[in-house]
Each structure stands twice: as C-alpha cells, then as structure tokens.
Amino acid sequence: MADIQAQFEQARADSKNLPEKPDNMTLLQLYALYKQGSVGDVDTKRPGFTDIVERAKWDAWNTMKGKSKEEAMQGYIDLIEQLKEG
C-alpha cells in the first residue's frame, strides 16, 4: 500500500504539469478516481440541481462506489500516465 500511495501522490503532483488540459469528461474521471482513492465511497449529500458543477463532480465520484481505494489509486495513476504521454 505504501508504494501505491507514493505513486498516487506523485501522479497528483504530475497532474499539475500535463502537456495539455484534459477535457471536462476526463477531468471528472480524474476527480472521481482521486476522491475514491483518497476518501473512499462518496460521503456527502448530492448537491442541489442549481449547483451544476458540484453535482456533476458528485455524480462522477458516486460512479466509483464500491471500488477499493487501491483500485481507484491505480486508475488515477494510469490515467495521469496516459495524459502525460499526450
């Protein structure tokens, strides 16, 4: 677990220096994988319909429900690696 945690933290740092900004769907996927990997299953109420951005982020995170933190961390690491390659 310690090794994947270090890779996860490195991927988080690498996410700030990607060659180009990912599209919105990829950003939502990154957000969901990051939250699932760091927090686990969604632990807040779904935002109201007037807060479209936060609701989309919550919905994306909720799709990860049941995925282990380690699986989510590895998914995040893999996606960042793909994005670094451009």
Protein backbone atom coordinates (compact mmCIF):
# COMPACT_ATOMS: atom_id res chain seq x y z
CA MET A 1 0.00 0.00 0.00
CA ALA A 2 2.83 2.41 0.80
CA ASP A 3 4.22 2.04 -2.73
CA ILE A 4 0.90 2.75 -4.44
CA GLN A 5 0.33 5.68 -2.06
CA ALA A 6 3.65 7.22 -3.14
CA GLN A 7 2.79 6.67 -6.82
CA PHE A 8 -0.66 8.21 -6.21
CA GLU A 9 0.89 11.30 -4.61
CA GLN A 10 3.39 11.59 -7.47
CA ALA A 11 0.56 11.31 -10.01
CA ARG A 12 -1.28 14.08 -8.13
CA ALA A 13 1.80 16.29 -8.45
CA ASP A 14 2.20 15.32 -12.13
CA SER A 15 -1.43 16.26 -12.81
CA LYS A 16 -0.48 19.92 -12.39
CA ASN A 17 2.07 19.72 -15.22
CA LEU A 18 0.27 17.89 -18.00
CA PRO A 19 1.17 18.85 -21.59
CA GLU A 20 -2.41 19.99 -22.20
CA LYS A 21 -5.54 20.47 -20.13
CA PRO A 22 -7.81 17.40 -20.26
CA ASP A 23 -11.39 17.75 -21.49
CA ASN A 24 -14.21 18.06 -18.95
CA MET A 25 -15.15 14.37 -19.00
CA THR A 26 -11.55 13.37 -18.30
CA LEU A 27 -11.34 15.97 -15.54
CA LEU A 28 -14.46 14.48 -13.94
CA GLN A 29 -12.96 11.00 -14.20
CA LEU A 30 -9.74 12.22 -12.57
CA TYR A 31 -11.73 13.89 -9.82
CA ALA A 32 -13.79 10.75 -9.17
CA LEU A 33 -10.74 8.47 -9.10
CA TYR A 34 -8.86 10.88 -6.85
CA LYS A 35 -11.74 11.21 -4.37
CA GLN A 36 -12.39 7.46 -4.33
CA GLY A 37 -8.66 6.79 -3.86
CA SER A 38 -8.25 9.32 -1.07
CA VAL A 39 -11.65 9.25 0.71
CA GLY A 40 -13.46 6.10 -0.44
CA ASP A 41 -17.17 5.97 -1.26
CA VAL A 42 -18.95 9.32 -1.58
CA ASP A 43 -19.71 10.59 1.92
CA THR A 44 -21.79 13.70 1.31
CA LYS A 45 -25.30 14.50 0.12
CA ARG A 46 -25.81 15.11 -3.58
CA PRO A 47 -25.74 18.86 -4.29
CA GLY A 48 -28.93 20.53 -5.47
CA PHE A 49 -29.78 20.98 -9.13
CA THR A 50 -28.74 24.65 -9.03
CA ASP A 51 -25.09 23.72 -8.38
CA ILE A 52 -24.40 22.04 -11.71
CA VAL A 53 -20.61 21.73 -11.39
CA GLU A 54 -20.60 20.25 -7.88
CA ARG A 55 -23.47 17.95 -8.83
CA ALA A 56 -21.52 16.64 -11.86
CA LYS A 57 -18.47 16.06 -9.66
CA TRP A 58 -20.58 14.25 -7.04
CA ASP A 59 -22.23 12.10 -9.72
CA ALA A 60 -18.83 11.16 -11.19
CA TRP A 61 -17.49 10.23 -7.75
CA ASN A 62 -20.63 8.24 -6.98
CA THR A 63 -19.99 6.05 -10.07
CA MET A 64 -16.89 4.76 -8.25
CA LYS A 65 -18.94 3.47 -5.31
CA GLY A 66 -17.66 0.09 -4.13
CA LYS A 67 -14.29 0.41 -5.86
CA SER A 68 -11.43 -0.09 -3.40
CA LYS A 69 -9.12 2.82 -2.64
CA GLU A 70 -6.23 0.87 -4.18
CA GLU A 71 -8.16 0.24 -7.42
CA ALA A 72 -9.07 3.92 -7.66
CA MET A 73 -5.49 4.99 -6.93
CA GLN A 74 -4.19 2.70 -9.68
CA GLY A 75 -6.83 4.01 -12.10
CA TYR A 76 -5.80 7.59 -11.30
CA ILE A 77 -2.10 6.77 -11.73
CA ASP A 78 -2.76 5.03 -15.06
CA LEU A 79 -4.89 7.89 -16.40
CA ILE A 80 -2.29 10.51 -15.45
CA GLU A 81 0.40 8.43 -17.18
CA GLN A 82 -1.74 8.32 -20.36
CA LEU A 83 -2.28 12.08 -20.21
CA LYS A 84 1.44 12.76 -19.69
CA GLU A 85 2.17 10.95 -22.95
CA GLY A 86 -0.19 13.32 -24.70
